[in-house]
Amino acid sequence: MSISYRNTALCLVVFLNLALAGTAGPVAPAKLPHQPWHTADLWWVFKNPTPHFESMDMDVTIDRDVPSTFNLYISTCGLGELSGVRFYGGLQTNANGWPTKEPGDRVFIGKGGIFSRWGEKISTAYARGIEGTHFEAAGYEGDFVSVRRAFQWTKGTYTWSLRATDTETVDGRDYTWIGCFITSHETGLTNYIGSLRFEGKDLTYWNQHSAFVEIYSTARIPTSEIPEVKVTFGYPRINGKMPGLKYANVNHPANGEMSSSPDCATAVADGSNVVVSLGPIFERKRADRNHFLKVKSPAAK
């Protein structure tokens, strides 16, 4: 996922304007764009930010097993922001990274969870994990640091979570450690992916949330096929509550746009959930490329 995609406020307005303008008739790509493909970008825009951040939880249901012969990234947080620091993460079929915090060759770990953040001249000093955690810090997507850890997810329902765990002061500056966890609803087991350090002690979660379903490229599989799968995203929970919703929408990036994708996914609201169905390439009308989702905003709990 390219960092330049993350000009969210501007992009969101542009995408909505394009969608409302629309044109009649199907649009078929002249050729397939390079991977990664953002088959569906989902956005929830809330009424207010959430101060005093403690946790974020996102449920996701995968209707069938997707083997690691595909490169599938189910991003339960396509973009988040804590007091101005941006991050993202989710589940991948082919995760990889450095086996230590020192730069080296990437090691493939198969299915796993991932959690990344951005920051100028950032390093693995901003990351920590237990045995089996893999790391990366680089600049090819803007300066970022990431933790990844093997987790053999399959068909089922999972909760991808972030937790503010502890604080520390480094060179006179306060930081908060945010841990990433994935819990299986079927087994009840929670897997710790790793933690990243964020600037500040009292963090605010912004007034948006996003998710995406991506087909990406790896050294093992430079061009991945498209798996058939249905992914159901729940309503985001911040500090254990469901923020009031202003609106939700989906964008399917077209040829020429950042992370453009062939038309192979649809997204529909199902009560307070959003269901993304991924499958064979088809022709999509331009008016369907970006549209609002009639997500039911649940009562705050």
Foldseek 3Di string as FASTA:
>chain_A
DALVVPPPVVVVVVLVVLLVVFDDDWDFDPDWDFDWAFLKKKKFFFPWWAWQFFKKKKKKFKAWFDALLFWKFWKSFPWWDKQRKIKTWGKTQWDWAAQDQDDDDIDTDGIKIKIKIADAPDGCVQWDDDHQKGKDFDQPRHTMIMIIGHDPDTGAMKMWMKGFDDWDADPNWIKTKIWIWMATPVVRDIDTGIIGIDGDDIIIIGRMTMITMIGGADPVRRHGDWDWIKMKMAQMATPNWRGHTPFMKMAQADPPDPSHGANFWAWAEDAQMIMITGDDGDIDGSSRRMDTHPHHRDDID
